[in-house]
Structures are given as C-alpha cells and as structure tokens.
N, C-alpha and C. Protein backbone atom coordinates (compact mmCIF):
# COMPACT_ATOMS: atom_id res chain seq x y z
N MET A 1 0.79 -1.07 -0.03
CA MET A 1 -0.11 -0.01 -0.15
C MET A 1 0.93 1.23 0.34
N TRP A 2 0.66 2.27 -0.86
CA TRP A 2 1.36 3.54 -1.04
C TRP A 2 0.42 4.53 -0.05
N LYS A 3 1.53 5.31 0.69
CA LYS A 3 1.18 6.32 1.32
C LYS A 3 1.97 7.64 0.94
N TYR A 4 1.29 8.84 0.98
CA TYR A 4 1.66 10.04 0.74
C TYR A 4 1.61 11.07 1.85
N SER A 5 2.59 11.83 1.90
CA SER A 5 2.69 13.06 2.93
C SER A 5 3.53 14.06 2.52
N GLY A 6 3.19 15.38 3.12
CA GLY A 6 3.88 16.25 2.73
C GLY A 6 3.41 17.74 3.26
N VAL A 7 4.47 18.68 3.35
CA VAL A 7 4.18 20.02 3.83
C VAL A 7 4.93 20.84 2.90
N THR A 8 4.34 22.15 2.71
CA THR A 8 4.95 23.20 1.97
C THR A 8 4.60 24.35 2.79
N SER A 9 5.76 25.20 2.89
CA SER A 9 5.64 26.66 3.44
C SER A 9 6.33 27.72 2.88
N LEU A 10 5.64 28.74 2.98
CA LEU A 10 6.44 30.08 2.52
C LEU A 10 6.34 31.19 3.48
N ASN A 11 7.33 31.58 3.74
CA ASN A 11 7.19 32.63 4.84
C ASN A 11 7.79 33.74 4.34
N LEU A 12 7.21 35.14 4.73
CA LEU A 12 7.66 36.53 4.25
C LEU A 12 7.56 37.18 5.65
N SER A 13 8.82 38.12 5.75
CA SER A 13 8.95 38.95 6.90
C SER A 13 9.57 40.13 6.55
N GLN A 14 8.85 41.21 7.12
CA GLN A 14 9.38 42.58 6.95
C GLN A 14 9.32 43.34 8.24
N LEU A 15 10.51 44.04 8.16
CA LEU A 15 10.51 44.95 9.63
C LEU A 15 11.00 46.48 9.04
N SER A 16 10.12 47.10 9.39
CA SER A 16 10.53 48.67 9.03
C SER A 16 10.70 49.49 10.06
N LEU A 17 11.85 50.48 10.39
CA LEU A 17 11.87 51.42 11.44
C LEU A 17 11.93 52.69 10.90
N SER A 18 11.20 53.80 11.71
CA SER A 18 11.49 55.24 11.34
C SER A 18 11.43 55.83 12.64
N ASN A 19 12.40 56.81 12.63
CA ASN A 19 12.44 57.79 13.93
C ASN A 19 12.75 56.74 15.02
N TRP A 20 13.49 55.78 15.11
CA TRP A 20 13.67 54.81 16.20
C TRP A 20 14.84 55.44 16.99
N ALA A 21 14.65 55.61 18.22
CA ALA A 21 15.65 56.36 18.98
C ALA A 21 16.95 55.33 19.35
N ALA A 22 16.48 54.21 19.50
CA ALA A 22 17.36 52.95 19.85
C ALA A 22 18.35 52.62 18.66
N GLY A 23 18.35 52.85 17.50
CA GLY A 23 18.94 52.37 16.54
C GLY A 23 18.21 51.05 15.85
N GLY A 24 18.71 50.68 14.86
CA GLY A 24 18.23 49.54 14.24
C GLY A 24 18.30 49.27 12.60
N ASP A 25 18.20 48.42 11.90
CA ASP A 25 18.14 48.38 10.52
C ASP A 25 16.78 47.79 9.93
N PRO A 26 16.23 48.36 8.85
CA PRO A 26 15.18 47.71 8.35
C PRO A 26 15.56 46.06 7.91
N SER A 27 14.55 45.13 7.83
CA SER A 27 14.86 43.97 6.98
C SER A 27 13.69 43.50 6.39
N VAL A 28 14.13 42.63 5.30
CA VAL A 28 13.31 41.95 4.44
C VAL A 28 13.77 40.32 4.59
N SER A 29 13.10 39.21 4.88
CA SER A 29 13.43 37.90 4.57
C SER A 29 12.32 37.14 3.91
N ILE A 30 12.70 35.78 3.20
CA ILE A 30 11.79 35.09 2.67
C ILE A 30 12.57 33.71 2.94
N ASN A 31 11.52 32.82 3.38
CA ASN A 31 12.01 31.33 3.69
C ASN A 31 10.78 30.26 2.90
N GLY A 32 11.70 29.23 2.30
CA GLY A 32 10.47 28.26 1.76
C GLY A 32 11.12 26.94 2.25
N ILE A 33 9.91 26.11 2.42
CA ILE A 33 10.31 24.91 3.10
C ILE A 33 9.42 23.60 2.07
N LEU A 34 9.94 22.61 1.81
CA LEU A 34 9.25 21.39 1.41
C LEU A 34 9.64 20.25 1.87
N ASN A 35 8.73 19.50 2.49
CA ASN A 35 8.80 17.98 3.03
C ASN A 35 7.89 17.43 2.46
N TYR A 36 8.32 16.43 1.55
CA TYR A 36 7.53 15.32 1.12
C TYR A 36 8.00 14.00 1.37
N GLY A 37 7.07 12.88 1.58
CA GLY A 37 7.49 11.69 1.63
C GLY A 37 6.55 10.58 1.04
N ILE A 38 7.16 9.37 0.74
CA ILE A 38 6.51 8.38 -0.12
C ILE A 38 6.81 6.94 0.84
N LYS A 39 5.87 6.28 1.15
CA LYS A 39 6.01 5.00 1.90
C LYS A 39 5.28 3.71 1.25
N TYR A 40 6.01 2.86 0.96
CA TYR A 40 5.30 1.48 0.52
C TYR A 40 5.49 0.45 1.46
N GLU A 41 4.36 -0.12 1.72
CA GLU A 41 4.50 -1.01 2.75
C GLU A 41 3.77 -2.44 2.50
N LYS A 42 4.07 -3.43 2.14
CA LYS A 42 3.31 -4.53 1.77
C LYS A 42 4.29 -5.78 2.37
N GLU A 43 4.10 -6.33 3.31
CA GLU A 43 5.01 -7.55 3.97
C GLU A 43 5.42 -8.56 2.79
N PRO A 44 6.64 -8.68 2.84
CA PRO A 44 7.84 -8.27 3.75
C PRO A 44 8.56 -6.94 3.31
N HIS A 45 8.11 -6.39 2.52
CA HIS A 45 8.78 -4.97 2.08
C HIS A 45 8.45 -3.72 2.64
N LEU A 46 9.28 -3.02 3.07
CA LEU A 46 9.00 -1.66 3.36
C LEU A 46 9.99 -0.79 2.68
N TRP A 47 9.40 0.40 1.98
CA TRP A 47 10.36 1.45 1.38
C TRP A 47 9.76 2.69 1.65
N GLN A 48 10.68 3.51 2.15
CA GLN A 48 10.22 5.07 2.59
C GLN A 48 11.36 5.71 1.83
N THR A 49 10.73 6.91 1.12
CA THR A 49 11.46 7.95 0.41
C THR A 49 11.25 9.32 1.15
N GLN A 50 12.06 10.19 1.50
CA GLN A 50 11.61 11.62 1.90
C GLN A 50 12.62 12.59 1.19
N LEU A 51 12.00 13.88 0.80
CA LEU A 51 12.60 14.93 0.21
C LEU A 51 12.45 16.19 1.27
N ASP A 52 13.30 16.56 1.57
CA ASP A 52 13.62 17.89 2.49
C ASP A 52 14.22 18.85 1.93
N ALA A 53 13.62 20.07 1.40
CA ALA A 53 14.12 21.10 0.68
C ALA A 53 13.85 22.46 1.47
N GLY A 54 14.84 23.25 1.51
CA GLY A 54 14.58 24.61 2.15
C GLY A 54 15.23 25.87 1.56
N TYR A 55 15.18 26.81 1.40
CA TYR A 55 15.73 27.88 0.86
C TYR A 55 15.40 29.11 1.91
N GLY A 56 16.24 30.12 2.15
CA GLY A 56 15.93 31.37 2.83
C GLY A 56 17.04 32.53 2.33
N ALA A 57 16.47 33.65 2.41
CA ALA A 57 17.43 34.70 2.09
C ALA A 57 16.88 35.98 3.04
N GLN A 58 17.61 36.81 3.42
CA GLN A 58 17.36 38.03 4.18
C GLN A 58 18.27 39.31 3.73
N ARG A 59 17.81 40.23 3.71
CA ARG A 59 18.32 41.62 3.23
C ARG A 59 18.14 42.33 4.52
N ILE A 60 19.33 42.88 5.10
CA ILE A 60 19.27 43.88 6.44
C ILE A 60 19.91 45.10 5.67
N GLY A 61 19.09 46.18 6.09
CA GLY A 61 19.40 47.67 5.54
C GLY A 61 18.68 48.16 4.70
N LYS A 62 19.13 49.04 3.73
CA LYS A 62 18.37 49.75 2.81
C LYS A 62 18.22 48.87 1.76
N ASN A 63 17.38 49.60 0.62
CA ASN A 63 17.09 48.50 -0.60
C ASN A 63 18.22 48.22 -1.41
N GLY A 64 19.46 49.12 -1.42
CA GLY A 64 20.56 48.78 -2.06
C GLY A 64 21.22 47.54 -1.86
N GLU A 65 21.13 47.08 -0.24
CA GLU A 65 21.82 46.05 0.17
C GLU A 65 21.60 44.79 -0.39
N PRO A 66 22.56 43.81 -0.59
CA PRO A 66 22.27 42.54 -1.19
C PRO A 66 21.32 41.65 -0.17
N PHE A 67 20.72 40.46 -0.83
CA PHE A 67 20.19 39.51 0.07
C PHE A 67 21.12 38.55 0.49
N LYS A 68 21.16 37.86 1.59
CA LYS A 68 22.20 37.00 1.94
C LYS A 68 21.41 35.60 2.20
N LYS A 69 21.98 34.43 1.90
CA LYS A 69 21.02 33.29 2.19
C LYS A 69 21.36 33.16 3.73
N THR A 70 19.95 32.51 4.19
CA THR A 70 20.03 31.98 5.72
C THR A 70 19.76 30.79 5.90
N ASP A 71 19.15 29.98 4.72
CA ASP A 71 18.97 28.61 4.64
C ASP A 71 19.18 28.04 3.30
N ASP A 72 19.84 26.98 2.84
CA ASP A 72 20.05 26.65 1.46
C ASP A 72 20.36 24.98 2.03
N ASN A 73 19.29 24.06 1.58
CA ASN A 73 19.74 22.37 1.77
C ASN A 73 18.51 21.68 0.86
N LEU A 74 18.92 20.60 0.13
CA LEU A 74 18.32 19.71 -0.24
C LEU A 74 18.76 18.50 0.07
N VAL A 75 17.72 17.57 0.59
CA VAL A 75 18.30 16.20 1.29
C VAL A 75 17.16 15.24 0.50
N LEU A 76 17.89 14.13 -0.32
CA LEU A 76 16.71 12.85 -0.61
C LEU A 76 17.29 11.96 -0.03
N THR A 77 16.22 11.00 0.83
CA THR A 77 16.74 9.71 1.65
C THR A 77 15.91 8.72 1.11
N SER A 78 16.31 7.64 1.13
CA SER A 78 15.60 6.59 0.59
C SER A 78 15.92 5.41 1.53
N ARG A 79 14.98 4.55 1.92
CA ARG A 79 15.14 3.53 3.06
C ARG A 79 14.43 2.22 2.10
N TYR A 80 15.17 1.07 2.16
CA TYR A 80 14.29 -0.03 1.93
C TYR A 80 14.57 -1.30 3.07
N GLY A 81 13.60 -1.81 3.25
CA GLY A 81 13.89 -2.85 4.32
C GLY A 81 12.89 -4.30 4.10
N TYR A 82 13.64 -5.16 4.16
CA TYR A 82 12.98 -6.66 3.96
C TYR A 82 12.97 -7.29 5.43
N LYS A 83 11.58 -7.60 5.85
CA LYS A 83 11.16 -8.31 7.03
C LYS A 83 11.72 -9.52 7.11
N ILE A 84 12.57 -9.86 8.30
CA ILE A 84 13.17 -11.20 8.28
C ILE A 84 12.85 -11.65 9.63
N ALA A 85 12.04 -11.14 10.59
CA ALA A 85 11.40 -11.57 11.65
C ALA A 85 10.25 -10.56 11.94
N SER A 86 9.73 -10.91 13.30
CA SER A 86 8.61 -10.28 13.75
C SER A 86 8.79 -8.77 13.90
N LYS A 87 9.71 -8.08 14.16
CA LYS A 87 10.17 -6.78 14.42
C LYS A 87 11.45 -6.48 13.82
N TRP A 88 12.04 -7.26 13.02
CA TRP A 88 13.49 -7.24 12.48
C TRP A 88 13.22 -6.91 10.97
N TYR A 89 14.07 -6.10 10.56
CA TYR A 89 14.12 -5.84 9.11
C TYR A 89 15.69 -5.73 8.57
N LEU A 90 16.03 -6.23 7.53
CA LEU A 90 17.24 -6.06 6.88
C LEU A 90 17.07 -5.15 6.03
N SER A 91 18.05 -4.31 6.07
CA SER A 91 17.78 -2.79 5.29
C SER A 91 18.69 -2.12 4.88
N GLY A 92 18.55 -1.35 3.95
CA GLY A 92 19.63 -0.46 3.31
C GLY A 92 19.16 1.15 3.08
N LEU A 93 20.20 1.97 3.26
CA LEU A 93 19.81 3.50 3.16
C LEU A 93 20.67 4.21 2.02
N ALA A 94 19.94 4.96 1.28
CA ALA A 94 20.72 5.91 0.62
C ALA A 94 20.53 7.43 0.71
N SER A 95 21.50 8.25 0.81
CA SER A 95 21.06 9.65 0.86
C SER A 95 21.78 10.43 0.06
N PHE A 96 21.28 11.40 -0.67
CA PHE A 96 21.81 12.62 -1.25
C PHE A 96 21.69 13.74 -0.67
N ARG A 97 22.76 14.56 -0.65
CA ARG A 97 22.62 15.80 0.12
C ARG A 97 23.58 16.74 -0.55
N THR A 98 22.82 18.02 -0.94
CA THR A 98 23.24 19.20 -1.69
C THR A 98 22.71 20.42 -1.22
N GLN A 99 22.88 21.49 -2.00
CA GLN A 99 22.44 22.85 -1.73
C GLN A 99 21.93 23.38 -3.02
N PHE A 100 21.11 24.44 -2.97
CA PHE A 100 20.63 25.01 -4.18
C PHE A 100 21.93 25.75 -4.86
N TYR A 101 22.71 26.62 -4.04
CA TYR A 101 23.64 27.63 -4.66
C TYR A 101 24.83 27.67 -3.86
N LYS A 102 25.88 28.34 -4.47
CA LYS A 102 27.25 27.95 -3.74
C LYS A 102 27.22 28.94 -2.42
C-alpha cells in the first residue's frame, strides 16, 4: 500500500523602522520549505523515500543592500527494508545531500 505525506511552507517577513531612537536596521526575509514523503508497505517489503528542501534569504538595511542566504539545503533519503522476523528488517539506506546555490 502506498502512502503519501507532505508539507509546503512559504514565509515572508518585513521589519521597517522610522525615527527609532535606539537604532536598528530595516530587514526583509523570505523562507521556503518542502517536506514530502512516500511510503510503500506490503509484507515483507518496506520502502520509504523523503525529500526535504529549504531555502531562505534576508536583506538587512536599505534597498541597495544584497540579499544573503539564511537556509540552503536539499536532502533526498531512501530506505528499503525486508522483514526477516516479527520486528526485524534487513535494510539499506541511500542519502543525497546538496544545496541550491554556492
């Protein structure tokens, strides 16, 4: 039986200061997250694959300042198990990790 799950999130944030006596800088940030999984389970087989991706950037200061990344990852993990006893699996795992930008 196949089961699917997932979460997607996009967050935007802005801070604006004017006439602030204590000092401070305005900022803008954006963050996106993807988490998706697929699971196949039919005895004696169990196969799970998970994709986790996230990217975020923030600009502190005036409009002319560049954005700097705050989060940058891409992870794909796949596990396969073959049931050999009541609660025991013979299994293998493969994982790919990288990032979107330098």
